[in-house]
Protein backbone atom coordinates (compact mmCIF):
# COMPACT_ATOMS: atom_id res chain seq x y z
CA UNK A 1 -4.94 9.12 -57.15
CA UNK A 2 -7.45 11.58 -55.80
CA UNK A 3 -9.11 8.83 -53.95
CA UNK A 4 -5.86 8.13 -51.88
CA UNK A 5 -5.45 11.76 -51.13
CA UNK A 6 -8.98 12.00 -49.75
CA UNK A 7 -8.72 8.83 -47.77
CA UNK A 8 -5.48 10.27 -46.21
CA UNK A 9 -7.11 13.53 -45.27
CA UNK A 10 -10.00 11.72 -43.65
CA UNK A 11 -7.38 9.47 -41.71
CA UNK A 12 -5.54 12.58 -40.28
CA UNK A 13 -8.85 14.33 -39.56
CA UNK A 14 -10.15 11.29 -37.58
CA UNK A 15 -6.84 9.97 -36.02
CA UNK A 16 -4.96 13.14 -35.42
CA UNK A 17 -7.66 15.56 -35.06
CA UNK A 18 -6.38 18.02 -37.85
CA UNK A 19 -8.37 21.23 -38.30
CA UNK A 20 -10.34 22.05 -41.47
CA UNK A 21 -7.66 24.63 -42.27
CA UNK A 22 -4.91 22.27 -42.13
CA UNK A 23 -6.86 19.70 -44.21
CA UNK A 24 -7.34 22.23 -46.91
CA UNK A 25 -3.67 23.33 -46.88
CA UNK A 26 -2.60 19.50 -47.21
CA UNK A 27 -5.09 18.91 -50.02
CA UNK A 28 -3.72 21.81 -52.01
CA UNK A 29 -0.21 20.80 -51.37
CA UNK A 30 -0.71 17.23 -52.52
CA UNK A 31 -2.58 18.25 -55.58
CA UNK A 32 0.21 20.62 -56.45
CA UNK A 33 2.80 17.71 -56.02
CA UNK A 34 0.49 15.54 -58.35
CA UNK A 35 0.27 18.36 -61.08
CA UNK A 36 4.05 18.84 -60.93
CA UNK A 37 5.11 15.13 -61.12
CA UNK A 38 2.29 14.37 -63.89
CA UNK A 39 3.77 16.81 -66.25
CA UNK A 40 4.47 14.84 -69.59
CA UNK A 41 3.36 11.51 -68.00
CA UNK A 42 0.40 9.63 -68.66
CA UNK A 43 -1.38 7.24 -66.39
CA UNK A 44 0.78 8.41 -63.29
CA UNK A 45 0.21 6.09 -60.24
CA UNK A 46 1.74 6.70 -56.81
CA UNK A 47 4.18 3.68 -56.97
CA UNK A 48 5.76 5.41 -59.81
CA UNK A 49 6.78 8.56 -58.00
CA UNK A 50 10.47 8.32 -57.02
CA UNK A 51 12.85 10.11 -54.61
CA UNK A 52 14.06 12.01 -57.68
CA UNK A 53 10.60 13.30 -58.49
CA UNK A 54 10.03 14.61 -54.89
CA UNK A 55 13.45 16.21 -54.79
CA UNK A 56 12.71 18.06 -58.15
CA UNK A 57 9.29 19.14 -56.71
CA UNK A 58 11.11 20.79 -53.67
CA UNK A 59 13.63 22.54 -55.92
CA UNK A 60 10.66 23.72 -58.09
CA UNK A 61 9.04 25.22 -54.99
CA UNK A 62 12.25 27.10 -54.05
CA UNK A 63 12.59 28.47 -57.64
CA UNK A 64 9.06 29.70 -57.62
CA UNK A 65 10.06 31.67 -54.52
CA UNK A 66 8.07 30.08 -51.76
CA UNK A 67 8.86 30.93 -48.12
CA UNK A 68 10.92 28.35 -46.16
CA UNK A 69 7.87 27.86 -43.81
CA UNK A 70 5.62 27.23 -46.75
CA UNK A 71 8.04 24.67 -48.31
CA UNK A 72 8.45 23.05 -44.81
CA UNK A 73 4.75 22.53 -44.65
CA UNK A 74 4.35 21.14 -48.27
CA UNK A 75 7.36 18.83 -47.27
CA UNK A 76 5.55 17.66 -44.21
CA UNK A 77 2.37 17.00 -46.02
CA UNK A 78 4.32 14.98 -48.72
CA UNK A 79 6.21 12.91 -46.06
CA UNK A 80 3.16 12.21 -44.06
CA UNK A 81 1.17 11.15 -47.10
CA UNK A 82 3.70 8.76 -48.39
CA UNK A 83 4.22 7.29 -44.93
CA UNK A 84 0.38 6.67 -45.00
CA UNK A 85 0.50 5.00 -48.27
CA UNK A 86 3.31 2.68 -47.18
CA UNK A 87 1.41 1.93 -43.97
CA UNK A 88 -1.76 1.20 -45.94
CA UNK A 89 0.12 -1.14 -48.27
CA UNK A 90 -0.49 1.03 -51.32
CA UNK A 91 3.28 1.57 -52.15
CA UNK A 92 6.14 -0.63 -51.14
CA UNK A 93 8.98 2.11 -50.77
CA UNK A 94 8.72 5.60 -49.40
CA UNK A 95 10.24 8.07 -51.90
CA UNK A 96 10.38 10.76 -49.12
CA UNK A 97 12.45 8.48 -46.68
CA UNK A 98 15.60 10.62 -46.98
CA UNK A 99 13.89 13.89 -47.61
CA UNK A 100 14.44 16.46 -45.03
CA UNK A 101 12.29 19.53 -44.48
CA UNK A 102 13.95 22.98 -44.85
CA UNK A 103 15.04 24.57 -41.44
CA UNK A 104 12.69 27.18 -40.40
CA UNK A 105 13.85 29.83 -37.78
CA UNK A 106 11.15 30.27 -35.28
CA UNK A 107 10.64 33.98 -34.66
CA UNK A 108 9.26 35.28 -31.37
CA UNK A 109 5.49 35.56 -31.47
CA UNK A 110 4.06 38.96 -31.51
CA UNK A 111 2.23 39.99 -28.28
CA UNK A 112 0.33 43.10 -27.09
CA UNK A 113 1.33 45.31 -24.10
CA UNK A 114 -0.89 46.11 -21.29
CA UNK A 115 -2.33 49.43 -22.85
CA UNK A 116 -3.14 47.86 -26.19
CA UNK A 117 -4.90 44.99 -24.37
CA UNK A 118 -6.92 47.23 -22.38
CA UNK A 119 -7.91 49.28 -25.29
CA UNK A 120 -8.95 46.23 -27.32
CA UNK A 121 -10.92 44.82 -24.37
CA UNK A 122 -12.73 48.00 -23.86
CA UNK A 123 -13.70 48.70 -27.47
CA UNK A 124 -16.71 46.72 -27.98
CA UNK A 125 -18.38 48.24 -25.05
CA UNK A 126 -18.30 51.60 -26.71
CA UNK A 127 -21.21 50.19 -28.73
CA UNK A 128 -24.43 48.65 -27.56
CA UNK A 129 -26.86 45.84 -28.10
CA UNK A 130 -26.32 42.14 -28.66
CA UNK A 131 -23.22 42.70 -30.97
CA UNK A 132 -21.38 44.64 -28.38
CA UNK A 133 -22.19 42.19 -25.66
CA UNK A 134 -21.10 39.18 -27.91
CA UNK A 135 -17.98 40.78 -29.05
CA UNK A 136 -17.02 41.86 -25.67
CA UNK A 137 -17.48 38.50 -24.27
CA UNK A 138 -15.54 36.69 -27.16
CA UNK A 139 -12.46 39.06 -26.88
CA UNK A 140 -12.53 38.81 -22.97
CA UNK A 141 -12.60 34.87 -23.22
CA UNK A 142 -9.78 34.80 -25.91
CA UNK A 143 -7.41 36.77 -23.83
CA UNK A 144 -8.49 35.34 -20.48
CA UNK A 145 -8.02 31.74 -21.54
CA UNK A 146 -5.54 31.69 -24.43
CA UNK A 147 -7.78 29.53 -26.53
CA UNK A 148 -7.19 28.95 -30.09
CA UNK A 149 -9.81 30.58 -32.50
CA UNK A 150 -11.17 27.14 -33.64
CA UNK A 151 -11.63 26.21 -29.89
CA UNK A 152 -13.55 29.44 -29.18
CA UNK A 153 -15.98 29.25 -31.99
CA UNK A 154 -16.55 25.43 -31.30
CA UNK A 155 -17.66 26.26 -27.77
CA UNK A 156 -21.24 25.28 -26.75
CA UNK A 157 -23.30 26.63 -24.07
CA UNK A 158 -22.86 23.63 -22.05
CA UNK A 159 -19.02 24.11 -22.04
CA UNK A 160 -19.27 27.25 -19.80
CA UNK A 161 -19.68 26.96 -16.01
CA UNK A 162 -20.29 30.39 -14.77
CA UNK A 163 -20.61 29.23 -11.15
CA UNK A 164 -17.20 27.95 -10.99
CA UNK A 165 -15.79 30.43 -13.35
CA UNK A 166 -14.42 27.74 -15.86
CA UNK A 167 -14.65 27.01 -19.47
CA UNK A 168 -14.25 23.60 -21.25
CA UNK A 169 -12.72 23.35 -24.61
CA UNK A 170 -11.46 20.58 -27.02
CA UNK A 171 -8.09 21.15 -28.73
CA UNK A 172 -6.05 19.26 -31.22
CA UNK A 173 -7.03 15.56 -31.44
CA UNK A 174 -10.21 16.46 -29.19
CA UNK A 175 -8.04 16.71 -26.11
CA UNK A 176 -10.16 18.22 -23.43
CA UNK A 177 -9.09 20.88 -20.99
CA UNK A 178 -10.79 23.02 -18.51
CA UNK A 179 -9.59 26.55 -18.25
CA UNK A 180 -10.39 29.08 -15.22
CA UNK A 181 -11.57 32.53 -16.12
CA UNK A 182 -11.18 35.75 -14.30
CA UNK A 183 -14.20 37.49 -13.04
CA UNK A 184 -14.18 39.87 -15.74
CA UNK A 185 -14.50 37.43 -18.49
CA UNK A 186 -17.16 35.56 -16.34
CA UNK A 187 -19.30 38.79 -16.09
CA UNK A 188 -18.73 39.58 -19.82
CA UNK A 189 -20.02 36.07 -20.54
CA UNK A 190 -22.99 36.41 -18.14
CA UNK A 191 -24.01 39.60 -19.68
CA UNK A 192 -23.99 38.13 -23.23
CA UNK A 193 -25.84 34.94 -22.28
CA UNK A 194 -28.48 37.02 -20.45
CA UNK A 195 -29.04 39.76 -23.00
CA UNK A 196 -27.00 39.24 -26.15
CA UNK A 197 -27.19 35.61 -27.09
CA UNK A 198 -31.06 35.63 -26.78
CA UNK A 199 -31.36 38.35 -29.22
CA UNK A 200 -29.45 36.30 -32.00
CA UNK A 201 -31.17 32.97 -31.06
CA UNK A 202 -33.41 31.58 -33.90
CA UNK A 203 -33.51 27.80 -32.91
CA UNK A 204 -34.22 27.04 -29.08
CA UNK A 205 -32.02 23.72 -29.78
CA UNK A 206 -28.94 25.69 -30.89
CA UNK A 207 -26.06 24.73 -28.76
CA UNK A 208 -23.40 27.15 -30.15
CA UNK A 209 -22.19 29.69 -27.50
CA UNK A 210 -21.31 32.39 -30.06
CA UNK A 211 -23.86 33.11 -32.74
CA UNK A 212 -24.08 35.39 -35.63
CA UNK A 213 -27.14 37.61 -36.50
CA UNK A 214 -28.72 34.62 -38.44
CA UNK A 215 -28.63 32.44 -35.23
CA UNK A 216 -25.90 30.24 -36.59
CA UNK A 217 -22.45 29.42 -35.16
CA UNK A 218 -19.95 32.27 -35.66
CA UNK A 219 -17.01 31.24 -37.94
CA UNK A 220 -13.29 31.41 -37.69
CA UNK A 221 -13.42 34.08 -40.47
CA UNK A 222 -16.18 35.82 -38.85
CA UNK A 223 -14.32 36.20 -35.54
CA UNK A 224 -10.95 37.40 -37.31
CA UNK A 225 -13.07 40.25 -39.05
CA UNK A 226 -14.46 41.22 -35.71
CA UNK A 227 -11.07 41.61 -34.10
CA UNK A 228 -9.73 43.41 -37.26
CA UNK A 229 -12.81 45.89 -36.70
CA UNK A 230 -11.91 46.60 -33.21
CA UNK A 231 -8.12 46.74 -33.60
CA UNK A 232 -8.76 49.61 -36.12
CA UNK A 233 -11.38 51.41 -34.18
CA UNK A 234 -9.17 51.27 -31.01
CA UNK A 235 -6.25 53.01 -32.95
CA UNK A 236 -3.86 50.04 -32.19
CA UNK A 237 -0.99 50.32 -34.56
CA UNK A 238 0.60 46.86 -34.24
CA UNK A 239 -0.50 43.75 -36.25
CA UNK A 240 -3.16 41.96 -34.24
CA UNK A 241 -4.88 38.72 -35.13
CA UNK A 242 -6.96 36.47 -32.81
CA UNK A 243 -3.86 34.37 -32.21
CA UNK A 244 -2.05 37.42 -31.00
CA UNK A 245 -4.37 37.40 -27.83
CA UNK A 246 -3.26 33.74 -27.25
CA UNK A 247 0.40 34.67 -27.45
CA UNK A 248 -0.24 37.78 -25.05
CA UNK A 249 -1.96 35.40 -22.65
CA UNK A 250 0.78 33.06 -22.49
CA UNK A 251 3.65 35.71 -22.30
CA UNK A 252 1.89 37.73 -19.59
CA UNK A 253 1.03 34.67 -17.56
CA UNK A 254 4.67 33.80 -17.50
CA UNK A 255 5.70 37.30 -16.62
CA UNK A 256 3.32 37.25 -13.64
CA UNK A 257 5.20 34.12 -12.33
CA UNK A 258 3.12 31.22 -13.77
CA UNK A 259 4.96 27.87 -14.06
CA UNK A 260 5.80 26.99 -17.55
CA UNK A 261 4.08 23.56 -17.20
CA UNK A 262 0.84 25.06 -15.96
CA UNK A 263 1.02 27.52 -19.09
CA UNK A 264 1.54 24.43 -21.26
CA UNK A 265 -1.49 22.86 -19.80
CA UNK A 266 -3.70 25.87 -20.24
CA UNK A 267 -2.58 26.35 -23.91
CA UNK A 268 -3.07 22.67 -24.67
CA UNK A 269 0.45 22.27 -26.04
CA UNK A 270 1.63 18.80 -26.55
CA UNK A 271 5.17 19.53 -26.15
CA UNK A 272 6.91 21.81 -23.43
CA UNK A 273 9.22 23.22 -26.12
CA UNK A 274 6.40 24.83 -27.82
CA UNK A 275 5.55 26.76 -24.65
CA UNK A 276 9.02 27.68 -24.18
CA UNK A 277 9.12 30.28 -26.84
CA UNK A 278 7.18 32.56 -24.73
CA UNK A 279 9.83 32.52 -21.93
CA UNK A 280 12.01 35.17 -23.64
CA UNK A 281 8.93 37.35 -23.99
CA UNK A 282 7.95 37.15 -20.33
CA UNK A 283 11.06 39.03 -19.10
CA UNK A 284 9.82 42.33 -20.40
CA UNK A 285 6.05 43.13 -20.49
CA UNK A 286 5.78 46.45 -22.28
CA UNK A 287 2.98 48.92 -21.89
CA UNK A 288 2.51 49.03 -25.54
CA UNK A 289 2.73 46.35 -28.22
CA UNK A 290 6.22 44.94 -29.16
CA UNK A 291 7.12 45.56 -32.86
CA UNK A 292 8.08 42.03 -33.67
CA UNK A 293 6.35 40.10 -36.41
CA UNK A 294 3.98 37.17 -35.66
CA UNK A 295 5.14 33.69 -37.13
């Protein structure tokens, strides 16, 4: 059974461009399903799993106290997997065909106000050396472009065009988009490339834009810890993750009059409805962070 799970994960990674984080979550979800359904049954195979088994699994998740959003993701993983098995000819009937994911109310994203943004952008420059230059450039680019964390750490030096003030990134399903950068972000990147990156560079052939002290590509986890460090040292009291800067970028652009379609393009959203969730936040741009919770 594990072979089919791994084949499915490879399929969605290649065909749909799912991130490593999503693949890990889906693998855990499907293994949890197998563990539940296999209890008291020997030699379980996928065709033996019924709609009743899947429904009982969902009830089990609710009884265990999982959040609606988590259950919805596990249901989505399960439905997608069984649809794959039907398409591949591994099973004849889809036991999840009539299974509906629980409704998840979408809460407004958490954004930063102008004062908190300014404090966060300025905080790395209180230090010195290659780390300060790198961190200042990363945070500037995150807020200036609205890139996802995975997109930022995947950047290579060839993706940056300082002359035109643009950066190229590859989003979900490897869809390419070119994003303009304000002069402040361009200057921060130039300073990092001229004086910061060279101090970390160990291999002349390394293409990664943002490096750690070992000369390797910075990871998503590493970036998260860096943001957390500066949020705390800047005395920002609202919750902030790297994705908060993406939310703030979108809400602030709309507040300043940008068209919804343009913000959709810059964010790399496949559906306009995803971008529309920022419209309500654009009507009021506070000086300090709003106290809503990030979804």
